[in-house]
Amino acid sequence: MNEKIISIIKERNIHPTSYKKINSVYVINNQFAIKLNTNNYDIYKYLISRDFLYFPRNLTNINDNYDISKYINGLKVNDDQKINDYLKILALLHKKTSYKREIDLDEIKEKYESINNQIIYLKNYYLKLNDKLDQELFFSPSAYLLLRNISLIYSILDNSELLLNDIYSKLKTEKSIRVSLLHNNINLDHLIISDNEYLVSWDKSYFDSPIYEIEEFYRKYFQIIDLSDLFKIYESINSLTDLEKKYLLILLAIPKEIKLTDNTLLDTQIINNEINYLNKVYELLIKYKSEMSNKT
């Protein structure tokens, strides 16, 4: 057993009868969960003040250099159900901790330029890759799959650029944006379902727009949850503004930079996965572009 853990359980007068380590968490007697070199006391205190109580009972003191909480032995729940529950908990977290922050135009410009430069880079990257592959006499299965779907990538990048410019022009006239506490540690293992739902591992949490957490969530679980269902479930608890939805779609729509290697089988799997993902996003992206056109 870790010497620091021995010191902690002695200090707290815990008599260990069982011990196990799950990733970076030490579980003592199936009653206490201890994580070293972190202290989320202030976060838990803040969550309680916002009436968000979906985390294990915390036993950490303000000056501790570790986190200790009640250990929750979770039930086995299928991924479909757990993802729906997880999304609802995140929506509630974002709703309970949201506030309006004054817009920093320099920050908005910086984010706009970063995304715009990324779109331009990806356009040039795929055009050069397209030209290179067109010069080959024979295509590998992975190269053929990419070429067959590359028009989807071009279309998504073009439409994302149009939507981004529209959002940027509107954001420059806004006075504030909504920010919330983001859990920032998306993983199904971090939602424990027992007598209640418990969100664990708060070490990376910070305040920013909820859309960044929704983007990460969908990119991770798009094969299990449909994008339109994600919006419905999330917005049943925490509605998104029109600008937030459009900005989220842009973040979701930016494709990965696919690199072809000598491993054709792996390349084919990666490309197929990315194309499936982009097809799911494309439909909603076109819908919002059409709505934007109808308003002008």
C-alpha atoms as a PDB file:
ATOM      1  CA  MET A   1       0.000   0.000   0.000  1.00  0.00           C
ATOM      2  CA  ASN A   2       1.228   3.502  -0.837  1.00  0.00           C
ATOM      3  CA  GLU A   3       2.969   5.178   2.140  1.00  0.00           C
ATOM      4  CA  LYS A   4       0.906   8.334   1.728  1.00  0.00           C
ATOM      5  CA  ILE A   5      -2.306   6.284   1.794  1.00  0.00           C
ATOM      6  CA  ILE A   6      -1.135   4.540   4.980  1.00  0.00           C
ATOM      7  CA  SER A   7      -0.541   7.948   6.552  1.00  0.00           C
ATOM      8  CA  ILE A   8      -4.007   9.203   5.524  1.00  0.00           C
ATOM      9  CA  ILE A   9      -5.941   6.223   6.866  1.00  0.00           C
ATOM     10  CA  LYS A  10      -4.004   6.393  10.154  1.00  0.00           C
ATOM     11  CA  GLU A  11      -4.720  10.116  10.429  1.00  0.00           C
ATOM     12  CA  ARG A  12      -8.430   9.465   9.865  1.00  0.00           C
ATOM     13  CA  ASN A  13      -8.518   6.450  12.162  1.00  0.00           C
ATOM     14  CA  ILE A  14      -9.575   4.099   9.359  1.00  0.00           C
ATOM     15  CA  HIS A  15      -8.788   0.423  10.011  1.00  0.00           C
ATOM     16  CA  PRO A  16      -8.195  -1.207   6.620  1.00  0.00           C
ATOM     17  CA  THR A  17      -9.607  -4.665   6.005  1.00  0.00           C
ATOM     18  CA  SER A  18      -9.513  -4.484   2.199  1.00  0.00           C
ATOM     19  CA  TYR A  19      -7.674  -2.397  -0.362  1.00  0.00           C
ATOM     20  CA  LYS A  20      -7.705  -1.993  -4.141  1.00  0.00           C
ATOM     21  CA  LYS A  21      -6.577   0.548  -6.699  1.00  0.00           C
ATOM     22  CA  ILE A  22      -8.815   1.607  -9.602  1.00  0.00           C
ATOM     23  CA  ASN A  23      -6.778   3.741 -12.007  1.00  0.00           C
ATOM     24  CA  SER A  24      -5.539   6.591  -9.763  1.00  0.00           C
ATOM     25  CA  VAL A  25      -8.077   6.005  -6.988  1.00  0.00           C
ATOM     26  CA  TYR A  26      -7.322   3.985  -3.836  1.00  0.00           C
ATOM     27  CA  VAL A  27     -10.388   2.210  -2.405  1.00  0.00           C
ATOM     28  CA  ILE A  28     -10.274   1.279   1.267  1.00  0.00           C
ATOM     29  CA  ASN A  29     -12.760  -1.189   2.776  1.00  0.00           C
ATOM     30  CA  ASN A  30     -15.093  -0.514  -0.166  1.00  0.00           C
ATOM     31  CA  GLN A  31     -16.098   2.576   1.828  1.00  0.00           C
ATOM     32  CA  PHE A  32     -13.559   5.300   1.035  1.00  0.00           C
ATOM     33  CA  ALA A  33     -12.135   6.523  -2.281  1.00  0.00           C
ATOM     34  CA  ILE A  34      -8.841   8.431  -2.021  1.00  0.00           C
ATOM     35  CA  LYS A  35      -7.069  10.304  -4.802  1.00  0.00           C
ATOM     36  CA  LEU A  36      -3.646  11.829  -4.134  1.00  0.00           C
ATOM     37  CA  ASN A  37      -2.277  15.240  -5.155  1.00  0.00           C
ATOM     38  CA  THR A  38      -5.634  16.881  -5.693  1.00  0.00           C
ATOM     39  CA  ASN A  39      -8.187  18.722  -3.594  1.00  0.00           C
ATOM     40  CA  ASN A  40     -11.654  19.483  -4.924  1.00  0.00           C
ATOM     41  CA  TYR A  41     -12.981  20.925  -1.664  1.00  0.00           C
ATOM     42  CA  ASP A  42     -13.802  24.306  -3.231  1.00  0.00           C
ATOM     43  CA  ILE A  43     -15.497  22.686  -6.230  1.00  0.00           C
ATOM     44  CA  TYR A  44     -17.730  20.514  -4.029  1.00  0.00           C
ATOM     45  CA  LYS A  45     -18.558  23.495  -1.844  1.00  0.00           C
ATOM     46  CA  TYR A  46     -19.501  25.496  -4.934  1.00  0.00           C
ATOM     47  CA  LEU A  47     -21.637  22.650  -6.337  1.00  0.00           C
ATOM     48  CA  ILE A  48     -23.547  22.407  -3.063  1.00  0.00           C
ATOM     49  CA  SER A  49     -24.149  26.166  -3.133  1.00  0.00           C
ATOM     50  CA  ARG A  50     -25.669  25.743  -6.603  1.00  0.00           C
ATOM     51  CA  ASP A  51     -27.848  22.834  -5.425  1.00  0.00           C
ATOM     52  CA  PHE A  52     -26.025  20.330  -7.637  1.00  0.00           C
ATOM     53  CA  LEU A  53     -25.611  17.237  -5.466  1.00  0.00           C
ATOM     54  CA  TYR A  54     -24.708  14.534  -7.978  1.00  0.00           C
ATOM     55  CA  PHE A  55     -21.331  13.559  -6.529  1.00  0.00           C
ATOM     56  CA  PRO A  56     -20.260  11.183  -3.717  1.00  0.00           C
ATOM     57  CA  ARG A  57     -20.305  12.540  -0.161  1.00  0.00           C
ATOM     58  CA  ASN A  58     -17.065  14.442   0.181  1.00  0.00           C
ATOM     59  CA  LEU A  59     -14.841  14.052   3.244  1.00  0.00           C
ATOM     60  CA  THR A  60     -11.990  16.307   2.148  1.00  0.00           C
ATOM     61  CA  ASN A  61     -10.790  19.153   4.331  1.00  0.00           C
ATOM     62  CA  ILE A  62      -9.740  22.453   2.817  1.00  0.00           C
ATOM     63  CA  ASN A  63      -6.020  21.991   3.578  1.00  0.00           C
ATOM     64  CA  ASP A  64      -5.723  18.328   2.554  1.00  0.00           C
ATOM     65  CA  ASN A  65      -3.427  17.525  -0.376  1.00  0.00           C
ATOM     66  CA  TYR A  66      -5.666  14.650  -1.395  1.00  0.00           C
ATOM     67  CA  ASP A  67      -9.317  13.988  -2.138  1.00  0.00           C
ATOM     68  CA  ILE A  68     -11.353  11.561  -0.054  1.00  0.00           C
ATOM     69  CA  SER A  69     -15.008  10.696  -0.542  1.00  0.00           C
ATOM     70  CA  LYS A  70     -17.500   7.950   0.094  1.00  0.00           C
ATOM     71  CA  TYR A  71     -16.884   5.024  -2.271  1.00  0.00           C
ATOM     72  CA  ILE A  72     -19.889   4.152  -4.448  1.00  0.00           C
ATOM     73  CA  ASN A  73     -20.161   0.632  -5.832  1.00  0.00           C
ATOM     74  CA  GLY A  74     -22.058   1.206  -9.084  1.00  0.00           C
ATOM     75  CA  LEU A  75     -24.660  -0.930 -10.803  1.00  0.00           C
ATOM     76  CA  LYS A  76     -24.075  -2.419 -14.236  1.00  0.00           C
ATOM     77  CA  VAL A  77     -26.014  -0.315 -16.726  1.00  0.00           C
ATOM     78  CA  ASN A  78     -26.034  -0.679 -20.527  1.00  0.00           C
ATOM     79  CA  ASP A  79     -24.217   2.052 -22.467  1.00  0.00           C
ATOM     80  CA  ASP A  80     -27.362   3.431 -24.158  1.00  0.00           C
ATOM     81  CA  GLN A  81     -29.064   4.104 -20.849  1.00  0.00           C
ATOM     82  CA  LYS A  82     -25.900   5.365 -19.175  1.00  0.00           C
ATOM     83  CA  ILE A  83     -25.158   7.826 -21.987  1.00  0.00           C
ATOM     84  CA  ASN A  84     -28.670   9.292 -21.711  1.00  0.00           C
ATOM     85  CA  ASP A  85     -28.284   9.627 -17.929  1.00  0.00           C
ATOM     86  CA  TYR A  86     -24.806  11.128 -18.323  1.00  0.00           C
ATOM     87  CA  LEU A  87     -26.050  13.740 -20.788  1.00  0.00           C
ATOM     88  CA  LYS A  88     -28.897  14.739 -18.464  1.00  0.00           C
ATOM     89  CA  ILE A  89     -26.486  15.134 -15.529  1.00  0.00           C
ATOM     90  CA  LEU A  90     -24.167  17.323 -17.631  1.00  0.00           C
ATOM     91  CA  ALA A  91     -27.115  19.447 -18.796  1.00  0.00           C
ATOM     92  CA  LEU A  92     -28.203  19.909 -15.186  1.00  0.00           C
ATOM     93  CA  LEU A  93     -24.644  20.811 -14.129  1.00  0.00           C
ATOM     94  CA  HIS A  94     -24.435  23.423 -16.893  1.00  0.00           C
ATOM     95  CA  LYS A  95     -27.852  24.842 -15.993  1.00  0.00           C
ATOM     96  CA  LYS A  96     -27.233  25.026 -12.245  1.00  0.00           C
ATOM     97  CA  THR A  97     -23.823  26.710 -12.595  1.00  0.00           C
ATOM     98  CA  SER A  98     -24.426  29.043 -15.543  1.00  0.00           C
ATOM     99  CA  TYR A  99     -23.943  32.780 -15.505  1.00  0.00           C
ATOM    100  CA  LYS A 100     -23.446  35.578 -18.017  1.00  0.00           C
ATOM    101  CA  ARG A 101     -19.879  36.708 -18.647  1.00  0.00           C
ATOM    102  CA  GLU A 102     -19.055  39.923 -20.436  1.00  0.00           C
ATOM    103  CA  ILE A 103     -17.794  39.291 -23.949  1.00  0.00           C
ATOM    104  CA  ASP A 104     -14.109  39.877 -24.542  1.00  0.00           C
ATOM    105  CA  LEU A 105     -13.948  40.890 -28.217  1.00  0.00           C
ATOM    106  CA  ASP A 106     -10.235  40.049 -28.407  1.00  0.00           C
ATOM    107  CA  GLU A 107     -10.957  36.555 -27.115  1.00  0.00           C
ATOM    108  CA  ILE A 108     -13.821  36.120 -29.590  1.00  0.00           C
ATOM    109  CA  LYS A 109     -11.593  37.285 -32.447  1.00  0.00           C
ATOM    110  CA  GLU A 110      -8.840  34.917 -31.359  1.00  0.00           C
ATOM    111  CA  LYS A 111     -11.216  31.945 -31.299  1.00  0.00           C
ATOM    112  CA  TYR A 112     -12.696  32.940 -34.665  1.00  0.00           C
ATOM    113  CA  GLU A 113      -9.252  33.187 -36.265  1.00  0.00           C
ATOM    114  CA  SER A 114      -8.177  29.887 -34.739  1.00  0.00           C
ATOM    115  CA  ILE A 115     -11.183  28.003 -36.153  1.00  0.00           C
ATOM    116  CA  ASN A 116     -11.033  29.833 -39.482  1.00  0.00           C
ATOM    117  CA  ASN A 117      -7.318  29.044 -39.857  1.00  0.00           C
ATOM    118  CA  GLN A 118      -8.049  25.422 -39.030  1.00  0.00           C
ATOM    119  CA  ILE A 119     -10.712  25.286 -41.761  1.00  0.00           C
ATOM    120  CA  ILE A 120      -8.360  26.890 -44.307  1.00  0.00           C
ATOM    121  CA  TYR A 121      -5.564  24.510 -43.346  1.00  0.00           C
ATOM    122  CA  LEU A 122      -7.810  21.437 -43.710  1.00  0.00           C
ATOM    123  CA  LYS A 123      -9.095  22.645 -47.085  1.00  0.00           C
ATOM    124  CA  ASN A 124      -5.544  22.973 -48.394  1.00  0.00           C
ATOM    125  CA  TYR A 125      -4.506  19.690 -46.806  1.00  0.00           C
ATOM    126  CA  TYR A 126      -7.293  17.677 -48.439  1.00  0.00           C
ATOM    127  CA  LEU A 127      -6.863  19.411 -51.808  1.00  0.00           C
ATOM    128  CA  LYS A 128      -3.159  18.478 -51.856  1.00  0.00           C
ATOM    129  CA  LEU A 129      -3.925  14.942 -50.706  1.00  0.00           C
ATOM    130  CA  ASN A 130      -6.623  14.680 -53.369  1.00  0.00           C
ATOM    131  CA  ASP A 131      -4.180  15.804 -56.079  1.00  0.00           C
ATOM    132  CA  LYS A 132      -1.524  13.378 -54.867  1.00  0.00           C
ATOM    133  CA  LEU A 133      -3.892  10.406 -54.885  1.00  0.00           C
ATOM    134  CA  ASP A 134      -5.255  11.327 -58.326  1.00  0.00           C
ATOM    135  CA  GLN A 135      -1.778  10.829 -59.751  1.00  0.00           C
ATOM    136  CA  GLU A 136      -1.562   7.227 -58.547  1.00  0.00           C
ATOM    137  CA  LEU A 137      -2.346   4.392 -60.962  1.00  0.00           C
ATOM    138  CA  PHE A 138      -3.770   2.072 -58.328  1.00  0.00           C
ATOM    139  CA  PHE A 139      -5.611   3.016 -55.139  1.00  0.00           C
ATOM    140  CA  SER A 140      -5.373   1.185 -51.845  1.00  0.00           C
ATOM    141  CA  PRO A 141      -8.789   0.402 -50.284  1.00  0.00           C
ATOM    142  CA  SER A 142      -8.246   3.208 -47.765  1.00  0.00           C
ATOM    143  CA  ALA A 143      -7.298   5.767 -50.441  1.00  0.00           C
ATOM    144  CA  TYR A 144     -10.286   4.741 -52.561  1.00  0.00           C
ATOM    145  CA  LEU A 145     -12.637   5.103 -49.580  1.00  0.00           C
ATOM    146  CA  LEU A 146     -11.275   8.573 -48.837  1.00  0.00           C
ATOM    147  CA  LEU A 147     -11.527   9.758 -52.457  1.00  0.00           C
ATOM    148  CA  ARG A 148     -15.058   8.441 -52.734  1.00  0.00           C
ATOM    149  CA  ASN A 149     -16.102  10.598 -49.764  1.00  0.00           C
ATOM    150  CA  ILE A 150     -13.816  13.586 -50.064  1.00  0.00           C
ATOM    151  CA  SER A 151     -16.588  15.774 -51.493  1.00  0.00           C
ATOM    152  CA  LEU A 152     -18.360  15.406 -48.135  1.00  0.00           C
ATOM    153  CA  ILE A 153     -15.275  16.822 -46.400  1.00  0.00           C
ATOM    154  CA  TYR A 154     -15.109  19.769 -48.848  1.00  0.00           C
ATOM    155  CA  SER A 155     -18.804  20.510 -48.404  1.00  0.00           C
ATOM    156  CA  ILE A 156     -18.604  20.412 -44.611  1.00  0.00           C
ATOM    157  CA  LEU A 157     -15.593  22.733 -44.573  1.00  0.00           C
ATOM    158  CA  ASP A 158     -17.265  25.200 -46.993  1.00  0.00           C
ATOM    159  CA  ASN A 159     -20.510  25.277 -45.019  1.00  0.00           C
ATOM    160  CA  SER A 160     -18.663  25.548 -41.699  1.00  0.00           C
ATOM    161  CA  GLU A 161     -16.781  28.567 -43.001  1.00  0.00           C
ATOM    162  CA  LEU A 162     -20.016  30.316 -44.008  1.00  0.00           C
ATOM    163  CA  LEU A 163     -21.644  29.556 -40.679  1.00  0.00           C
ATOM    164  CA  LEU A 164     -18.562  30.676 -38.756  1.00  0.00           C
ATOM    165  CA  ASN A 165     -18.535  34.069 -40.472  1.00  0.00           C
ATOM    166  CA  ASP A 166     -22.227  34.518 -39.711  1.00  0.00           C
ATOM    167  CA  ILE A 167     -21.712  33.657 -36.030  1.00  0.00           C
ATOM    168  CA  TYR A 168     -18.686  35.916 -35.701  1.00  0.00           C
ATOM    169  CA  SER A 169     -20.565  38.908 -37.084  1.00  0.00           C
ATOM    170  CA  LYS A 170     -23.385  38.310 -34.571  1.00  0.00           C
ATOM    171  CA  LEU A 171     -21.112  37.667 -31.601  1.00  0.00           C
ATOM    172  CA  LYS A 172     -19.431  41.031 -32.129  1.00  0.00           C
ATOM    173  CA  THR A 173     -22.755  42.705 -31.315  1.00  0.00           C
ATOM    174  CA  GLU A 174     -23.471  40.610 -28.208  1.00  0.00           C
ATOM    175  CA  LYS A 175     -22.708  41.980 -24.740  1.00  0.00           C
ATOM    176  CA  SER A 176     -22.319  38.693 -22.890  1.00  0.00           C
ATOM    177  CA  ILE A 177     -22.047  34.954 -23.302  1.00  0.00           C
ATOM    178  CA  ARG A 178     -23.154  32.113 -21.072  1.00  0.00           C
ATOM    179  CA  VAL A 179     -20.541  30.087 -19.212  1.00  0.00           C
ATOM    180  CA  SER A 180     -20.951  27.134 -16.859  1.00  0.00           C
ATOM    181  CA  LEU A 181     -18.815  24.803 -14.816  1.00  0.00           C
ATOM    182  CA  LEU A 182     -17.611  22.049 -17.151  1.00  0.00           C
ATOM    183  CA  HIS A 183     -16.796  18.670 -15.667  1.00  0.00           C
ATOM    184  CA  ASN A 184     -14.171  18.342 -18.418  1.00  0.00           C
ATOM    185  CA  ASN A 185     -13.490  14.656 -17.873  1.00  0.00           C
ATOM    186  CA  ILE A 186     -15.907  12.838 -20.179  1.00  0.00           C
ATOM    187  CA  ASN A 187     -15.813   9.105 -19.566  1.00  0.00           C
ATOM    188  CA  LEU A 188     -18.630   6.641 -18.894  1.00  0.00           C
ATOM    189  CA  ASP A 189     -16.621   5.308 -15.945  1.00  0.00           C
ATOM    190  CA  HIS A 190     -16.966   8.736 -14.314  1.00  0.00           C
ATOM    191  CA  LEU A 191     -20.729   8.358 -13.976  1.00  0.00           C
ATOM    192  CA  ILE A 192     -21.611   5.900 -11.220  1.00  0.00           C
ATOM    193  CA  ILE A 193     -25.223   4.780 -10.994  1.00  0.00           C
ATOM    194  CA  SER A 194     -26.370   3.325  -7.694  1.00  0.00           C
ATOM    195  CA  ASP A 195     -29.104   4.669  -5.404  1.00  0.00           C
ATOM    196  CA  ASN A 196     -28.513   7.929  -7.305  1.00  0.00           C
ATOM    197  CA  GLU A 197     -26.306   9.184 -10.145  1.00  0.00           C
ATOM    198  CA  TYR A 198     -22.812  10.290  -9.085  1.00  0.00           C
ATOM    199  CA  LEU A 199     -20.319  12.212 -11.194  1.00  0.00           C
ATOM    200  CA  VAL A 200     -16.704  11.657 -10.096  1.00  0.00           C
ATOM    201  CA  SER A 201     -13.227  12.915 -11.062  1.00  0.00           C
ATOM    202  CA  TRP A 202     -13.643  16.698 -10.896  1.00  0.00           C
ATOM    203  CA  ASP A 203      -9.902  17.495 -11.080  1.00  0.00           C
ATOM    204  CA  LYS A 204     -10.055  19.106 -14.536  1.00  0.00           C
ATOM    205  CA  SER A 205     -13.248  21.131 -14.149  1.00  0.00           C
ATOM    206  CA  TYR A 206     -13.294  24.779 -15.239  1.00  0.00           C
ATOM    207  CA  PHE A 207     -15.695  27.488 -16.427  1.00  0.00           C
ATOM    208  CA  ASP A 208     -16.437  27.997 -20.123  1.00  0.00           C
ATOM    209  CA  SER A 209     -19.233  27.647 -22.651  1.00  0.00           C
ATOM    210  CA  PRO A 210     -21.245  24.394 -22.268  1.00  0.00           C
ATOM    211  CA  ILE A 211     -20.858  23.702 -25.984  1.00  0.00           C
ATOM    212  CA  TYR A 212     -17.252  22.556 -25.519  1.00  0.00           C
ATOM    213  CA  GLU A 213     -18.364  19.751 -23.222  1.00  0.00           C
ATOM    214  CA  ILE A 214     -21.241  18.777 -25.523  1.00  0.00           C
ATOM    215  CA  GLU A 215     -18.817  18.627 -28.460  1.00  0.00           C
ATOM    216  CA  GLU A 216     -16.454  16.332 -26.573  1.00  0.00           C
ATOM    217  CA  PHE A 217     -19.369  14.161 -25.456  1.00  0.00           C
ATOM    218  CA  TYR A 218     -20.750  13.673 -28.971  1.00  0.00           C
ATOM    219  CA  ARG A 219     -17.366  13.051 -30.602  1.00  0.00           C
ATOM    220  CA  LYS A 220     -16.768  10.333 -28.036  1.00  0.00           C
ATOM    221  CA  TYR A 221     -20.169   8.627 -28.243  1.00  0.00           C
ATOM    222  CA  PHE A 222     -21.553   9.446 -31.701  1.00  0.00           C
ATOM    223  CA  GLN A 223     -21.762   5.731 -32.538  1.00  0.00           C
ATOM    224  CA  ILE A 224     -24.241   5.225 -29.687  1.00  0.00           C
ATOM    225  CA  ILE A 225     -26.332   8.404 -29.633  1.00  0.00           C
ATOM    226  CA  ASP A 226     -27.849  10.263 -32.586  1.00  0.00           C
ATOM    227  CA  LEU A 227     -27.030  13.973 -32.788  1.00  0.00           C
ATOM    228  CA  SER A 228     -30.671  15.053 -32.978  1.00  0.00           C
ATOM    229  CA  ASP A 229     -31.418  12.879 -29.914  1.00  0.00           C
ATOM    230  CA  LEU A 230     -28.503  14.477 -28.102  1.00  0.00           C
ATOM    231  CA  PHE A 231     -30.001  17.933 -28.678  1.00  0.00           C
ATOM    232  CA  LYS A 232     -33.449  16.777 -27.531  1.00  0.00           C
ATOM    233  CA  ILE A 233     -32.179  15.144 -24.335  1.00  0.00           C
ATOM    234  CA  TYR A 234     -29.833  17.983 -23.431  1.00  0.00           C
ATOM    235  CA  GLU A 235     -32.326  20.735 -24.208  1.00  0.00           C
ATOM    236  CA  SER A 236     -35.078  19.039 -22.213  1.00  0.00           C
ATOM    237  CA  ILE A 237     -33.060  20.305 -19.223  1.00  0.00           C
ATOM    238  CA  ASN A 238     -30.881  23.154 -20.501  1.00  0.00           C
ATOM    239  CA  SER A 239     -31.904  25.023 -23.658  1.00  0.00           C
ATOM    240  CA  LEU A 240     -29.224  26.292 -26.021  1.00  0.00           C
ATOM    241  CA  THR A 241     -29.467  29.602 -27.819  1.00  0.00           C
ATOM    242  CA  ASP A 242     -29.443  29.721 -31.602  1.00  0.00           C
ATOM    243  CA  LEU A 243     -25.877  31.054 -31.566  1.00  0.00           C
ATOM    244  CA  GLU A 244     -24.735  28.297 -29.198  1.00  0.00           C
ATOM    245  CA  LYS A 245     -26.256  25.616 -31.456  1.00  0.00           C
ATOM    246  CA  LYS A 246     -24.577  27.008 -34.561  1.00  0.00           C
ATOM    247  CA  TYR A 247     -21.225  27.389 -32.862  1.00  0.00           C
ATOM    248  CA  LEU A 248     -21.501  23.845 -31.524  1.00  0.00           C
ATOM    249  CA  LEU A 249     -22.248  22.519 -35.006  1.00  0.00           C
ATOM    250  CA  ILE A 250     -19.148  24.213 -36.398  1.00  0.00           C
ATOM    251  CA  LEU A 251     -16.976  22.632 -33.707  1.00  0.00           C
ATOM    252  CA  LEU A 252     -18.584  19.252 -34.340  1.00  0.00           C
ATOM    253  CA  ALA A 253     -18.223  19.537 -38.118  1.00  0.00           C
ATOM    254  CA  ILE A 254     -14.476  20.179 -38.321  1.00  0.00           C
ATOM    255  CA  PRO A 255     -13.038  16.921 -39.685  1.00  0.00           C
ATOM    256  CA  LYS A 256      -9.907  15.221 -38.470  1.00  0.00           C
ATOM    257  CA  GLU A 257      -6.719  15.420 -40.483  1.00  0.00           C
ATOM    258  CA  ILE A 258      -6.587  11.894 -41.926  1.00  0.00           C
ATOM    259  CA  LYS A 259      -3.105  10.649 -42.727  1.00  0.00           C
ATOM    260  CA  LEU A 260      -2.609   7.599 -44.935  1.00  0.00           C
ATOM    261  CA  THR A 261      -0.003   5.138 -43.691  1.00  0.00           C
ATOM    262  CA  ASP A 262       1.309   1.705 -44.690  1.00  0.00           C
ATOM    263  CA  ASN A 263      -1.322   0.072 -42.494  1.00  0.00           C
ATOM    264  CA  THR A 264      -4.199  -0.058 -44.984  1.00  0.00           C
ATOM    265  CA  LEU A 265      -6.558  -1.947 -42.693  1.00  0.00           C
ATOM    266  CA  LEU A 266      -6.187   0.543 -39.849  1.00  0.00           C
ATOM    267  CA  ASP A 267      -6.417   3.505 -42.263  1.00  0.00           C
ATOM    268  CA  THR A 268      -9.649   2.111 -43.710  1.00  0.00           C
ATOM    269  CA  GLN A 269     -11.165   1.735 -40.240  1.00  0.00           C
ATOM    270  CA  ILE A 270     -10.179   5.312 -39.290  1.00  0.00           C
ATOM    271  CA  ILE A 271     -11.554   6.780 -42.539  1.00  0.00           C
ATOM    272  CA  ASN A 272     -14.789   4.795 -42.322  1.00  0.00           C
ATOM    273  CA  ASN A 273     -15.271   5.916 -38.733  1.00  0.00           C
ATOM    274  CA  GLU A 274     -14.662   9.575 -39.639  1.00  0.00           C
ATOM    275  CA  ILE A 275     -16.984   9.475 -42.662  1.00  0.00           C
ATOM    276  CA  ASN A 276     -19.757   7.923 -40.567  1.00  0.00           C
ATOM    277  CA  TYR A 277     -19.283  10.672 -38.004  1.00  0.00           C
ATOM    278  CA  LEU A 278     -19.291  13.494 -40.583  1.00  0.00           C
ATOM    279  CA  ASN A 279     -22.432  12.175 -42.261  1.00  0.00           C
ATOM    280  CA  LYS A 280     -24.248  12.380 -38.931  1.00  0.00           C
ATOM    281  CA  VAL A 281     -23.211  16.024 -38.456  1.00  0.00           C
ATOM    282  CA  TYR A 282     -23.708  17.123 -42.065  1.00  0.00           C
ATOM    283  CA  GLU A 283     -27.508  16.919 -42.062  1.00  0.00           C
ATOM    284  CA  LEU A 284     -27.899  19.371 -39.173  1.00  0.00           C
ATOM    285  CA  LEU A 285     -25.174  21.640 -40.531  1.00  0.00           C
ATOM    286  CA  ILE A 286     -27.041  22.038 -43.823  1.00  0.00           C
ATOM    287  CA  LYS A 287     -30.295  22.624 -41.938  1.00  0.00           C
ATOM    288  CA  TYR A 288     -28.809  25.571 -40.032  1.00  0.00           C
ATOM    289  CA  LYS A 289     -27.149  26.958 -43.139  1.00  0.00           C
ATOM    290  CA  SER A 290     -30.546  26.892 -44.861  1.00  0.00           C
ATOM    291  CA  GLU A 291     -32.189  28.677 -41.930  1.00  0.00           C
ATOM    292  CA  MET A 292     -29.440  31.297 -42.046  1.00  0.00           C
ATOM    293  CA  SER A 293     -30.080  31.862 -45.766  1.00  0.00           C
ATOM    294  CA  ASN A 294     -33.827  32.243 -45.233  1.00  0.00           C
ATOM    295  CA  LYS A 295     -33.234  34.993 -42.675  1.00  0.00           C
ATOM    296  CA  THR A 296     -31.111  37.081 -45.040  1.00  0.00           C
END
